[in-house]
Amino acid sequence: MTIVEAFATALPVIASNLGSLSSLVQDGVTGAHFEPGNAASLAGVVKQLVARPEALERMRVNARTAYERHHSPDGNYAALMNIYEKAARTASGIPATSPAKYRMAN
């Protein structure tokens, strides 16, 4: 299961604090980080989450919210349309941060 799939099912992710994983998983918000290659660090994170079910539940809600905001089909569509809109404005000489009157109609 990928991180995005986990978030879609409201499942927080425990990820190593390395590279792209740590940028997708917000420590203490949508999951937790552990030190790469350190089994004691991983075990410690798991123990903390088991001992704090209220924090785990908050992370579950946050993980689902992150999915809906950033990774859902509707969210992806909106982000893609925003990119296309900016590209179209730039190509036609309209500033990328132009007022609403210059924006493309849907």
Foldseek 3Di string as FASTA:
>chain_A
DDLLVCLLQLHADEEACDPPVCVLHPDLQQHHYFHPPDVVRVVVRVVVCVVCVVSRNNNSVRSNVCSVCPPDPVNVVVVVVLVVQLVVCVVVVHHSPHDPVPTDDD
